[in-house]
Structure formats: structure tokens, C-alpha cells
PDB file of N, CA and C in Angstrom:
ATOM      1  N   MET A   1      41.220 -16.797  13.368  1.00  0.00           N
ATOM      2  CA  MET A   1      40.382 -18.052  13.814  1.00  0.00           C
ATOM      3  C   MET A   1      40.182 -18.278  12.603  1.00  0.00           C
ATOM      4  N   GLY A   2      39.301 -17.160  11.549  1.00  0.00           N
ATOM      5  CA  GLY A   2      38.900 -17.193  10.774  1.00  0.00           C
ATOM      6  C   GLY A   2      37.686 -16.207  10.520  1.00  0.00           C
ATOM      7  N   TYR A   3      36.914 -15.920   9.094  1.00  0.00           N
ATOM      8  CA  TYR A   3      36.236 -14.813   8.786  1.00  0.00           C
ATOM      9  C   TYR A   3      34.518 -15.595   8.515  1.00  0.00           C
ATOM     10  N   PRO A   4      33.699 -14.332   8.768  1.00  0.00           N
ATOM     11  CA  PRO A   4      32.584 -14.970   8.587  1.00  0.00           C
ATOM     12  C   PRO A   4      32.371 -15.528   6.810  1.00  0.00           C
ATOM     13  N   GLY A   5      31.711 -16.734   7.346  1.00  0.00           N
ATOM     14  CA  GLY A   5      31.405 -17.433   6.077  1.00  0.00           C
ATOM     15  C   GLY A   5      32.504 -18.276   5.602  1.00  0.00           C
ATOM     16  N   GLU A   6      33.799 -18.360   6.419  1.00  0.00           N
ATOM     17  CA  GLU A   6      34.771 -19.468   5.408  1.00  0.00           C
ATOM     18  C   GLU A   6      34.732 -20.338   6.556  1.00  0.00           C
ATOM     19  N   LYS A   7      34.851 -21.859   5.727  1.00  0.00           N
ATOM     20  CA  LYS A   7      35.279 -22.718   7.096  1.00  0.00           C
ATOM     21  C   LYS A   7      36.339 -22.973   7.594  1.00  0.00           C
ATOM     22  N   TYR A   8      36.594 -23.470   8.400  1.00  0.00           N
ATOM     23  CA  TYR A   8      37.872 -23.197   9.601  1.00  0.00           C
ATOM     24  C   TYR A   8      37.672 -25.277  10.166  1.00  0.00           C
ATOM     25  N   ASP A   9      38.531 -25.667  10.439  1.00  0.00           N
ATOM     26  CA  ASP A   9      38.786 -27.421  11.226  1.00  0.00           C
ATOM     27  C   ASP A   9      39.004 -26.997  12.164  1.00  0.00           C
ATOM     28  N   LEU A  10      37.848 -27.022  13.276  1.00  0.00           N
ATOM     29  CA  LEU A  10      37.963 -26.871  14.877  1.00  0.00           C
ATOM     30  C   LEU A  10      39.474 -27.128  14.912  1.00  0.00           C
ATOM     31  N   TRP A  11      39.435 -28.214  14.506  1.00  0.00           N
ATOM     32  CA  TRP A  11      41.201 -29.173  15.002  1.00  0.00           C
ATOM     33  C   TRP A  11      42.031 -28.695  15.260  1.00  0.00           C
ATOM     34  N   TYR A  12      42.283 -28.172  13.780  1.00  0.00           N
ATOM     35  CA  TYR A  12      43.273 -26.500  14.357  1.00  0.00           C
ATOM     36  C   TYR A  12      43.116 -26.237  15.245  1.00  0.00           C
ATOM     37  N   ALA A  13      42.755 -25.426  15.240  1.00  0.00           N
ATOM     38  CA  ALA A  13      42.741 -24.567  16.275  1.00  0.00           C
ATOM     39  C   ALA A  13      42.880 -25.151  17.588  1.00  0.00           C
ATOM     40  N   MET A  14      42.034 -26.451  17.815  1.00  0.00           N
ATOM     41  CA  MET A  14      42.380 -26.921  19.580  1.00  0.00           C
ATOM     42  C   MET A  14      43.215 -27.762  19.548  1.00  0.00           C
ATOM     43  N   HIS A  15      44.009 -28.156  18.357  1.00  0.00           N
ATOM     44  CA  HIS A  15      45.109 -29.308  18.320  1.00  0.00           C
ATOM     45  C   HIS A  15      46.170 -28.456  16.971  1.00  0.00           C
ATOM     46  N   PRO A  16      47.337 -28.051  17.668  1.00  0.00           N
ATOM     47  CA  PRO A  16      48.194 -27.668  16.612  1.00  0.00           C
ATOM     48  C   PRO A  16      48.892 -28.775  16.660  1.00  0.00           C
ATOM     49  N   ASP A  17      49.306 -29.884  17.080  1.00  0.00           N
ATOM     50  CA  ASP A  17      50.274 -31.021  16.581  1.00  0.00           C
ATOM     51  C   ASP A  17      49.685 -32.074  15.919  1.00  0.00           C
ATOM     52  N   PRO A  18      50.209 -32.247  15.024  1.00  0.00           N
ATOM     53  CA  PRO A  18      49.339 -33.066  13.944  1.00  0.00           C
ATOM     54  C   PRO A  18      49.349 -34.589  13.702  1.00  0.00           C
ATOM     55  N   ASN A  19      50.272 -35.057  15.128  1.00  0.00           N
ATOM     56  CA  ASN A  19      50.003 -36.075  15.484  1.00  0.00           C
ATOM     57  C   ASN A  19      49.118 -36.656  16.373  1.00  0.00           C
ATOM     58  N   ASP A  20      48.267 -35.215  16.740  1.00  0.00           N
ATOM     59  CA  ASP A  20      47.645 -35.462  17.879  1.00  0.00           C
ATOM     60  C   ASP A  20      45.590 -35.674  16.763  1.00  0.00           C
ATOM     61  N   TYR A  21      45.908 -35.135  15.546  1.00  0.00           N
ATOM     62  CA  TYR A  21      44.935 -35.303  14.618  1.00  0.00           C
ATOM     63  C   TYR A  21      44.162 -36.561  14.964  1.00  0.00           C
ATOM     64  N   PHE A  22      44.505 -37.922  14.280  1.00  0.00           N
ATOM     65  CA  PHE A  22      43.498 -39.006  14.724  1.00  0.00           C
ATOM     66  C   PHE A  22      42.729 -39.483  15.701  1.00  0.00           C
ATOM     67  N   ASN A  23      43.403 -38.085  16.802  1.00  0.00           N
ATOM     68  CA  ASN A  23      42.405 -38.730  18.282  1.00  0.00           C
ATOM     69  C   ASN A  23      41.271 -37.692  18.426  1.00  0.00           C
ATOM     70  N   HIS A  24      41.788 -36.870  17.794  1.00  0.00           N
ATOM     71  CA  HIS A  24      40.316 -35.652  18.268  1.00  0.00           C
ATOM     72  C   HIS A  24      40.256 -34.776  17.343  1.00  0.00           C
ATOM     73  N   TYR A  25      40.139 -35.195  16.452  1.00  0.00           N
ATOM     74  CA  TYR A  25      39.352 -34.776  14.947  1.00  0.00           C
ATOM     75  C   TYR A  25      38.417 -34.198  15.111  1.00  0.00           C
ATOM     76  N   CYS A  26      37.620 -33.280  14.685  1.00  0.00           N
ATOM     77  CA  CYS A  26      36.365 -32.102  14.819  1.00  0.00           C
ATOM     78  C   CYS A  26      35.777 -31.765  13.428  1.00  0.00           C
ATOM     79  N   ASP A  27      34.738 -31.856  13.044  1.00  0.00           N
ATOM     80  CA  ASP A  27      33.773 -31.339  12.075  1.00  0.00           C
ATOM     81  C   ASP A  27      34.342 -30.128  11.829  1.00  0.00           C
ATOM     82  N   GLU A  28      34.757 -29.895  10.408  1.00  0.00           N
ATOM     83  CA  GLU A  28      34.714 -27.912  10.443  1.00  0.00           C
ATOM     84  C   GLU A  28      33.696 -27.554  11.081  1.00  0.00           C
ATOM     85  N   LEU A  29      33.817 -25.939  11.479  1.00  0.00           N
ATOM     86  CA  LEU A  29      33.548 -25.295  11.790  1.00  0.00           C
ATOM     87  C   LEU A  29      32.844 -24.020  10.910  1.00  0.00           C
ATOM     88  N   ILE A  30      31.281 -23.693  10.494  1.00  0.00           N
ATOM     89  CA  ILE A  30      31.361 -22.371   9.259  1.00  0.00           C
ATOM     90  C   ILE A  30      31.097 -21.281  10.357  1.00  0.00           C
ATOM     91  N   LEU A  31      32.184 -20.257  10.264  1.00  0.00           N
ATOM     92  CA  LEU A  31      31.688 -19.408  11.035  1.00  0.00           C
ATOM     93  C   LEU A  31      30.893 -18.277  10.659  1.00  0.00           C
ATOM     94  N   GLU A  32      29.847 -17.286  11.182  1.00  0.00           N
ATOM     95  CA  GLU A  32      28.744 -16.213  10.719  1.00  0.00           C
ATOM     96  C   GLU A  32      28.111 -15.526  11.619  1.00  0.00           C
ATOM     97  N   ALA A  33      28.573 -13.821  10.488  1.00  0.00           N
ATOM     98  CA  ALA A  33      27.996 -13.135  11.837  1.00  0.00           C
ATOM     99  C   ALA A  33      26.777 -12.996  11.198  1.00  0.00           C
ATOM    100  N   SER A  34      26.747 -12.184  12.000  1.00  0.00           N
ATOM    101  CA  SER A  34      25.176 -10.846  11.921  1.00  0.00           C
ATOM    102  C   SER A  34      24.890  -9.777  12.487  1.00  0.00           C
ATOM    103  N   VAL A  35      24.889  -8.155  11.402  1.00  0.00           N
ATOM    104  CA  VAL A  35      25.095  -7.406  12.570  1.00  0.00           C
ATOM    105  C   VAL A  35      23.702  -6.637  12.086  1.00  0.00           C
ATOM    106  N   PRO A  36      22.489  -6.836  12.786  1.00  0.00           N
ATOM    107  CA  PRO A  36      21.670  -5.598  12.470  1.00  0.00           C
ATOM    108  C   PRO A  36      21.500  -4.911  12.427  1.00  0.00           C
ATOM    109  N   GLU A  37      20.963  -4.305  11.458  1.00  0.00           N
ATOM    110  CA  GLU A  37      21.019  -2.915   9.886  1.00  0.00           C
ATOM    111  C   GLU A  37      19.850  -1.889  10.689  1.00  0.00           C
ATOM    112  N   THR A  38      20.694  -1.004  11.465  1.00  0.00           N
ATOM    113  CA  THR A  38      19.617   0.535  12.208  1.00  0.00           C
ATOM    114  C   THR A  38      19.846   1.061  11.034  1.00  0.00           C
ATOM    115  N   PRO A  39      18.798   1.258  10.560  1.00  0.00           N
ATOM    116  CA  PRO A  39      18.599   2.311   9.587  1.00  0.00           C
ATOM    117  C   PRO A  39      18.725   3.824  10.157  1.00  0.00           C
ATOM    118  N   GLN A  40      19.511   4.759   9.202  1.00  0.00           N
ATOM    119  CA  GLN A  40      19.891   6.093   9.843  1.00  0.00           C
ATOM    120  C   GLN A  40      18.385   6.471   9.952  1.00  0.00           C
ATOM    121  N   THR A  41      18.317   7.887  10.717  1.00  0.00           N
ATOM    122  CA  THR A  41      18.059   8.546  11.019  1.00  0.00           C
ATOM    123  C   THR A  41      17.537  10.411  10.639  1.00  0.00           C
ATOM    124  N   ALA A  42      16.996  10.800  10.062  1.00  0.00           N
ATOM    125  CA  ALA A  42      17.891  11.842   9.266  1.00  0.00           C
ATOM    126  C   ALA A  42      18.090  13.652  10.487  1.00  0.00           C
ATOM    127  N   LEU A  43      18.633  13.744  11.061  1.00  0.00           N
ATOM    128  CA  LEU A  43      18.856  14.946  11.829  1.00  0.00           C
ATOM    129  C   LEU A  43      19.147  15.979  10.990  1.00  0.00           C
ATOM    130  N   THR A  44      18.584  17.343  11.749  1.00  0.00           N
ATOM    131  CA  THR A  44      18.678  18.728  10.885  1.00  0.00           C
ATOM    132  C   THR A  44      19.200  19.477  12.308  1.00  0.00           C
ATOM    133  N   ILE A  45      19.957  19.644  12.605  1.00  0.00           N
ATOM    134  CA  ILE A  45      20.909  20.659  13.309  1.00  0.00           C
ATOM    135  C   ILE A  45      20.761  22.359  13.146  1.00  0.00           C
ATOM    136  N   TYR A  46      20.015  23.209  13.032  1.00  0.00           N
ATOM    137  CA  TYR A  46      20.410  25.019  12.743  1.00  0.00           C
ATOM    138  C   TYR A  46      20.287  25.607  14.568  1.00  0.00           C
ATOM    139  N   PRO A  47      20.618  26.815  14.254  1.00  0.00           N
ATOM    140  CA  PRO A  47      21.853  27.095  13.195  1.00  0.00           C
ATOM    141  C   PRO A  47      23.434  26.171  13.172  1.00  0.00           C
ATOM    142  N   ASN A  48      23.870  26.400  12.240  1.00  0.00           N
ATOM    143  CA  ASN A  48      24.651  25.236  12.751  1.00  0.00           C
ATOM    144  C   ASN A  48      26.350  26.136  11.221  1.00  0.00           C
ATOM    145  N   PRO A  49      26.930  27.341  11.708  1.00  0.00           N
ATOM    146  CA  PRO A  49      27.506  26.937  13.141  1.00  0.00           C
ATOM    147  C   PRO A  49      26.625  28.205  14.900  1.00  0.00           C
ATOM    148  N   ALA A  50      26.697  27.102  15.510  1.00  0.00           N
ATOM    149  CA  ALA A  50      25.143  28.211  16.391  1.00  0.00           C
ATOM    150  C   ALA A  50      26.163  28.825  17.565  1.00  0.00           C
ATOM    151  N   ASN A  51      25.746  29.488  18.493  1.00  0.00           N
ATOM    152  CA  ASN A  51      26.050  30.454  19.389  1.00  0.00           C
ATOM    153  C   ASN A  51      25.804  29.556  21.560  1.00  0.00           C
ATOM    154  N   GLU A  52      24.916  30.423  21.359  1.00  0.00           N
ATOM    155  CA  GLU A  52      23.576  29.918  21.746  1.00  0.00           C
ATOM    156  C   GLU A  52      22.424  28.663  22.726  1.00  0.00           C
ATOM    157  N   VAL A  53      22.421  28.611  20.939  1.00  0.00           N
ATOM    158  CA  VAL A  53      21.046  27.402  21.003  1.00  0.00           C
ATOM    159  C   VAL A  53      20.876  26.504  20.038  1.00  0.00           C
ATOM    160  N   ILE A  54      21.183  25.646  20.721  1.00  0.00           N
ATOM    161  CA  ILE A  54      20.317  24.708  18.910  1.00  0.00           C
ATOM    162  C   ILE A  54      19.614  24.254  18.691  1.00  0.00           C
ATOM    163  N   TYR A  55      19.041  23.617  18.030  1.00  0.00           N
ATOM    164  CA  TYR A  55      17.692  23.377  16.833  1.00  0.00           C
ATOM    165  C   TYR A  55      17.660  21.837  16.451  1.00  0.00           C
ATOM    166  N   LEU A  56      17.136  20.817  16.513  1.00  0.00           N
ATOM    167  CA  LEU A  56      17.007  19.657  16.418  1.00  0.00           C
ATOM    168  C   LEU A  56      15.978  18.925  16.006  1.00  0.00           C
ATOM    169  N   GLN A  57      15.736  18.517  14.607  1.00  0.00           N
ATOM    170  CA  GLN A  57      14.381  18.047  14.184  1.00  0.00           C
ATOM    171  C   GLN A  57      14.457  16.888  13.478  1.00  0.00           C
ATOM    172  N   GLY A  58      13.837  15.767  13.734  1.00  0.00           N
ATOM    173  CA  GLY A  58      13.868  14.381  13.084  1.00  0.00           C
ATOM    174  C   GLY A  58      13.081  13.592  13.874  1.00  0.00           C
ATOM    175  N   GLU A  59      12.498  12.575  12.962  1.00  0.00           N
ATOM    176  CA  GLU A  59      11.366  11.888  13.842  1.00  0.00           C
ATOM    177  C   GLU A  59      12.368  10.718  14.585  1.00  0.00           C
ATOM    178  N   PHE A  60      11.782  10.784  15.871  1.00  0.00           N
ATOM    179  CA  PHE A  60      12.746   9.862  16.956  1.00  0.00           C
ATOM    180  C   PHE A  60      11.714   8.562  17.622  1.00  0.00           C
ATOM    181  N   PRO A  61      12.184   8.181  17.834  1.00  0.00           N
ATOM    182  CA  PRO A  61      11.255   7.224  19.235  1.00  0.00           C
ATOM    183  C   PRO A  61      11.027   7.693  19.970  1.00  0.00           C
ATOM    184  N   PRO A  62       9.991   7.991  20.946  1.00  0.00           N
ATOM    185  CA  PRO A  62       9.588   8.309  22.025  1.00  0.00           C
ATOM    186  C   PRO A  62      10.983   8.197  23.758  1.00  0.00           C
ATOM    187  N   ASN A  63      11.607   9.393  23.774  1.00  0.00           N
ATOM    188  CA  ASN A  63      11.724   9.301  24.573  1.00  0.00           C
ATOM    189  C   ASN A  63      13.469   8.455  24.800  1.00  0.00           C
ATOM    190  N   THR A  64      14.017   8.992  23.460  1.00  0.00           N
ATOM    191  CA  THR A  64      15.316   8.672  23.515  1.00  0.00           C
ATOM    192  C   THR A  64      16.308  10.093  23.858  1.00  0.00           C
ATOM    193  N   GLN A  65      17.100   8.652  24.047  1.00  0.00           N
ATOM    194  CA  GLN A  65      18.648   9.092  25.319  1.00  0.00           C
ATOM    195  C   GLN A  65      19.220   9.743  24.482  1.00  0.00           C
ATOM    196  N   ALA A  66      19.913  10.729  24.089  1.00  0.00           N
ATOM    197  CA  ALA A  66      21.255  11.507  23.158  1.00  0.00           C
ATOM    198  C   ALA A  66      22.561  11.753  24.514  1.00  0.00           C
ATOM    199  N   ALA A  67      23.476  12.679  23.865  1.00  0.00           N
ATOM    200  CA  ALA A  67      24.538  12.898  24.185  1.00  0.00           C
ATOM    201  C   ALA A  67      24.797  13.815  23.331  1.00  0.00           C
ATOM    202  N   ILE A  68      26.180  14.744  23.860  1.00  0.00           N
ATOM    203  CA  ILE A  68      27.117  15.391  22.664  1.00  0.00           C
ATOM    204  C   ILE A  68      28.045  15.126  23.127  1.00  0.00           C
ATOM    205  N   TYR A  69      29.049  15.505  22.490  1.00  0.00           N
ATOM    206  CA  TYR A  69      31.117  14.488  22.472  1.00  0.00           C
ATOM    207  C   TYR A  69      31.393  15.574  21.702  1.00  0.00           C
ATOM    208  N   ASN A  70      32.505  16.173  22.456  1.00  0.00           N
ATOM    209  CA  ASN A  70      33.327  16.636  21.769  1.00  0.00           C
ATOM    210  C   ASN A  70      34.360  15.894  21.061  1.00  0.00           C
ATOM    211  N   MET A  71      35.266  16.410  20.205  1.00  0.00           N
ATOM    212  CA  MET A  71      36.076  15.691  18.995  1.00  0.00           C
ATOM    213  C   MET A  71      37.020  14.458  19.637  1.00  0.00           C
ATOM    214  N   PRO A  72      37.764  14.882  20.969  1.00  0.00           N
ATOM    215  CA  PRO A  72      38.546  13.916  21.499  1.00  0.00           C
ATOM    216  C   PRO A  72      37.203  13.136  22.731  1.00  0.00           C
ATOM    217  N   GLY A  73      35.909  12.453  22.168  1.00  0.00           N
ATOM    218  CA  GLY A  73      35.038  12.034  22.298  1.00  0.00           C
ATOM    219  C   GLY A  73      34.527  11.674  23.881  1.00  0.00           C
ATOM    220  N   ILE A  74      34.757  12.884  24.462  1.00  0.00           N
ATOM    221  CA  ILE A  74      34.088  13.366  26.049  1.00  0.00           C
ATOM    222  C   ILE A  74      32.692  13.954  25.749  1.00  0.00           C
ATOM    223  N   LYS A  75      32.763  12.937  26.506  1.00  0.00           N
ATOM    224  CA  LYS A  75      30.632  13.550  27.136  1.00  0.00           C
ATOM    225  C   LYS A  75      30.829  14.879  27.531  1.00  0.00           C
ATOM    226  N   VAL A  76      30.181  15.666  27.223  1.00  0.00           N
ATOM    227  CA  VAL A  76      29.680  16.998  27.723  1.00  0.00           C
ATOM    228  C   VAL A  76      28.461  17.236  27.847  1.00  0.00           C
ATOM    229  N   MET A  77      27.751  16.473  27.332  1.00  0.00           N
ATOM    230  CA  MET A  77      25.682  17.069  28.049  1.00  0.00           C
ATOM    231  C   MET A  77      25.115  15.672  27.320  1.00  0.00           C
ATOM    232  N   ASP A  78      23.708  14.996  28.644  1.00  0.00           N
ATOM    233  CA  ASP A  78      23.025  14.512  27.997  1.00  0.00           C
ATOM    234  C   ASP A  78      21.774  15.192  27.764  1.00  0.00           C
ATOM    235  N   PHE A  79      20.459  14.731  27.374  1.00  0.00           N
ATOM    236  CA  PHE A  79      19.847  15.330  26.197  1.00  0.00           C
ATOM    237  C   PHE A  79      18.942  14.048  26.361  1.00  0.00           C
ATOM    238  N   THR A  80      17.805  14.533  26.548  1.00  0.00           N
ATOM    239  CA  THR A  80      16.608  13.276  25.583  1.00  0.00           C
ATOM    240  C   THR A  80      16.018  14.026  24.747  1.00  0.00           C
ATOM    241  N   LEU A  81      16.066  13.349  23.548  1.00  0.00           N
ATOM    242  CA  LEU A  81      16.162  13.764  22.077  1.00  0.00           C
ATOM    243  C   LEU A  81      14.407  13.405  21.783  1.00  0.00           C
ATOM    244  N   GLU A  82      13.081  14.499  20.978  1.00  0.00           N
ATOM    245  CA  GLU A  82      11.990  14.822  20.987  1.00  0.00           C
ATOM    246  C   GLU A  82      12.371  14.590  19.536  1.00  0.00           C
ATOM    247  N   ASN A  83      10.900  14.968  18.447  1.00  0.00           N
ATOM    248  CA  ASN A  83      11.246  15.498  17.991  1.00  0.00           C
ATOM    249  C   ASN A  83      11.749  17.152  17.191  1.00  0.00           C
ATOM    250  N   ASN A  84      11.292  17.502  18.337  1.00  0.00           N
ATOM    251  CA  ASN A  84      12.173  18.989  17.950  1.00  0.00           C
ATOM    252  C   ASN A  84      12.263  19.256  19.784  1.00  0.00           C
ATOM    253  N   THR A  85      13.460  19.570  19.340  1.00  0.00           N
ATOM    254  CA  THR A  85      14.178  19.757  20.320  1.00  0.00           C
ATOM    255  C   THR A  85      14.896  20.810  20.572  1.00  0.00           C
ATOM    256  N   GLU A  86      14.495  21.861  21.223  1.00  0.00           N
ATOM    257  CA  GLU A  86      15.739  22.754  21.616  1.00  0.00           C
ATOM    258  C   GLU A  86      16.656  22.868  23.132  1.00  0.00           C
ATOM    259  N   LEU A  87      18.666  23.026  22.573  1.00  0.00           N
ATOM    260  CA  LEU A  87      19.282  22.949  23.495  1.00  0.00           C
ATOM    261  C   LEU A  87      20.690  23.981  23.589  1.00  0.00           C
ATOM    262  N   ASP A  88      20.093  23.915  24.888  1.00  0.00           N
ATOM    263  CA  ASP A  88      21.547  25.265  25.428  1.00  0.00           C
ATOM    264  C   ASP A  88      22.248  24.969  25.264  1.00  0.00           C
ATOM    265  N   ILE A  89      23.379  26.328  24.417  1.00  0.00           N
ATOM    266  CA  ILE A  89      24.810  25.359  24.459  1.00  0.00           C
ATOM    267  C   ILE A  89      25.772  26.068  24.580  1.00  0.00           C
ATOM    268  N   SER A  90      24.938  27.494  25.245  1.00  0.00           N
ATOM    269  CA  SER A  90      25.897  28.820  26.018  1.00  0.00           C
ATOM    270  C   SER A  90      27.218  28.271  26.327  1.00  0.00           C
ATOM    271  N   THR A  91      26.926  27.411  27.067  1.00  0.00           N
ATOM    272  CA  THR A  91      28.162  26.903  28.830  1.00  0.00           C
ATOM    273  C   THR A  91      29.096  25.849  27.606  1.00  0.00           C
ATOM    274  N   LEU A  92      28.916  25.084  26.513  1.00  0.00           N
ATOM    275  CA  LEU A  92      30.099  24.640  25.555  1.00  0.00           C
ATOM    276  C   LEU A  92      31.129  25.670  25.542  1.00  0.00           C
ATOM    277  N   PRO A  93      32.559  25.176  25.222  1.00  0.00           N
ATOM    278  CA  PRO A  93      33.302  25.730  24.606  1.00  0.00           C
ATOM    279  C   PRO A  93      33.150  25.850  22.992  1.00  0.00           C
ATOM    280  N   ALA A  94      33.692  26.474  22.253  1.00  0.00           N
ATOM    281  CA  ALA A  94      34.103  26.867  21.151  1.00  0.00           C
ATOM    282  C   ALA A  94      34.154  25.744  20.387  1.00  0.00           C
ATOM    283  N   GLY A  95      34.415  24.770  19.394  1.00  0.00           N
ATOM    284  CA  GLY A  95      34.951  24.041  18.353  1.00  0.00           C
ATOM    285  C   GLY A  95      34.178  23.059  18.201  1.00  0.00           C
ATOM    286  N   ALA A  96      33.962  21.756  17.378  1.00  0.00           N
ATOM    287  CA  ALA A  96      33.181  20.959  16.570  1.00  0.00           C
ATOM    288  C   ALA A  96      32.751  19.540  17.644  1.00  0.00           C
ATOM    289  N   TYR A  97      31.413  19.397  17.495  1.00  0.00           N
ATOM    290  CA  TYR A  97      30.831  18.308  18.010  1.00  0.00           C
ATOM    291  C   TYR A  97      29.729  17.785  17.755  1.00  0.00           C
ATOM    292  N   ILE A  98      29.744  15.821  18.317  1.00  0.00           N
ATOM    293  CA  ILE A  98      28.546  15.372  17.654  1.00  0.00           C
ATOM    294  C   ILE A  98      27.474  14.648  18.604  1.00  0.00           C
ATOM    295  N   ILE A  99      26.572  14.366  18.553  1.00  0.00           N
ATOM    296  CA  ILE A  99      25.057  13.891  18.706  1.00  0.00           C
ATOM    297  C   ILE A  99      25.007  12.782  18.143  1.00  0.00           C
ATOM    298  N   ARG A 100      25.864  11.907  19.685  1.00  0.00           N
ATOM    299  CA  ARG A 100      24.734  10.355  19.472  1.00  0.00           C
ATOM    300  C   ARG A 100      23.740  10.605  20.035  1.00  0.00           C
ATOM    301  N   ALA A 101      22.844   9.484  19.630  1.00  0.00           N
ATOM    302  CA  ALA A 101      21.004   8.913  20.430  1.00  0.00           C
ATOM    303  C   ALA A 101      21.500   7.197  20.604  1.00  0.00           C
ATOM    304  N   GLU A 102      20.492   7.137  21.396  1.00  0.00           N
ATOM    305  CA  GLU A 102      20.806   5.086  21.757  1.00  0.00           C
ATOM    306  C   GLU A 102      19.895   4.775  21.093  1.00  0.00           C
ATOM    307  N   GLY A 103      21.087   3.456  20.583  1.00  0.00           N
ATOM    308  CA  GLY A 103      19.405   3.002  19.474  1.00  0.00           C
ATOM    309  C   GLY A 103      19.065   4.219  17.803  1.00  0.00           C
ATOM    310  N   VAL A 104      19.903   4.726  17.848  1.00  0.00           N
ATOM    311  CA  VAL A 104      19.598   5.595  16.625  1.00  0.00           C
ATOM    312  C   VAL A 104      20.543   5.909  16.146  1.00  0.00           C
ATOM    313  N   ILE A 105      21.131   5.897  14.812  1.00  0.00           N
ATOM    314  CA  ILE A 105      22.448   6.526  13.452  1.00  0.00           C
ATOM    315  C   ILE A 105      21.297   7.662  12.923  1.00  0.00           C
ATOM    316  N   LEU A 106      22.223   7.925  13.563  1.00  0.00           N
ATOM    317  CA  LEU A 106      22.016   9.580  12.972  1.00  0.00           C
ATOM    318  C   LEU A 106      22.931  10.062  12.333  1.00  0.00           C
ATOM    319  N   GLU A 107      22.082  10.749  10.765  1.00  0.00           N
ATOM    320  CA  GLU A 107      22.538  11.426   9.973  1.00  0.00           C
ATOM    321  C   GLU A 107      23.525  12.826   9.671  1.00  0.00           C
ATOM    322  N   LYS A 108      24.349  12.450   9.537  1.00  0.00           N
ATOM    323  CA  LYS A 108      24.777  14.530   9.764  1.00  0.00           C
ATOM    324  C   LYS A 108      24.894  14.749  10.963  1.00  0.00           C
ATOM    325  N   PRO A 109      25.744  13.823  12.141  1.00  0.00           N
ATOM    326  CA  PRO A 109      25.231  14.734  13.973  1.00  0.00           C
ATOM    327  C   PRO A 109      26.392  15.733  14.290  1.00  0.00           C
ATOM    328  N   PHE A 110      27.256  16.493  13.065  1.00  0.00           N
ATOM    329  CA  PHE A 110      27.928  17.048  13.546  1.00  0.00           C
ATOM    330  C   PHE A 110      26.765  18.682  13.796  1.00  0.00           C
ATOM    331  N   PHE A 111      27.757  19.320  14.692  1.00  0.00           N
ATOM    332  CA  PHE A 111      27.382  20.926  14.516  1.00  0.00           C
ATOM    333  C   PHE A 111      29.036  21.526  15.246  1.00  0.00           C
ATOM    334  N   LEU A 112      29.030  22.668  14.427  1.00  0.00           N
ATOM    335  CA  LEU A 112      30.280  23.559  15.205  1.00  0.00           C
ATOM    336  C   LEU A 112      29.556  24.975  16.547  1.00  0.00           C
ATOM    337  N   LYS A 113      30.194  24.742  17.487  1.00  0.00           N
ATOM    338  CA  LYS A 113      30.037  25.873  18.562  1.00  0.00           C
ATOM    339  C   LYS A 113      30.785  27.496  18.301  1.00  0.00           C
ATOM    340  N   ARG A 114      30.305  28.285  18.402  1.00  0.00           N
ATOM    341  CA  ARG A 114      31.232  29.029  18.113  1.00  0.00           C
ATOM    342  C   ARG A 114      31.897  29.736  19.519  1.00  0.00           C
TER     343      ARG A 114
END
């Protein structure tokens, strides 16, 4: 239908028949799209790779809900992300994982479990 900032004749979207043009003409529509920018938050994960426990450090809003996902995208653990968080990952199988947090874009959210 158009791209952000592109002028688009709405009539053509509603009435593809050119014979109907004079009966149903609409003024052009300007499409605008905006996505609020969310700053990235630094996340330190250590040790990485890890066996039993990982430590997460950063500055996060209070009670930030987070989760760990495996590489196919399946959620394997939920937790609350605090400025200094210790997580027991001993029950996770060996592999690569990503951490995602609500309302926060994390820098380098990956870790390896041995």
C-alpha cells in the first residue's frame, strides 16, 4: 500500500476501476510510521560459557521480568532481572541461549551452557 512518508492516492486503494474516479475521489494520504526508540542496556554475563550458575550485571528498572530462550526460540526459564542477578542454570542442557527482558533491549544477551 505504500511506505512511510510516501504519498499515496487513497482513491486507487479503494477504487481500482478508473471509470469510478470522479464519483469517489479522496485526497492523498501521507503514511507515517514511528517506532519509539528503546535504548540498549549493557548486560554483563559471566562466566560465559558456564556450567552451573551465571551472574548478570547491569542497570535495569525494578522488577524487570526476563526469560531465557534456547536457539529454536523456546522459553526455558523465567526470572526477575535485578541489577545483580544470580541464576542457577544447572538444569539446562548444554547449548546456546539468549536472555530477553520486558521493556529493555539488552546488549550481548547470549551465553553458552556447557
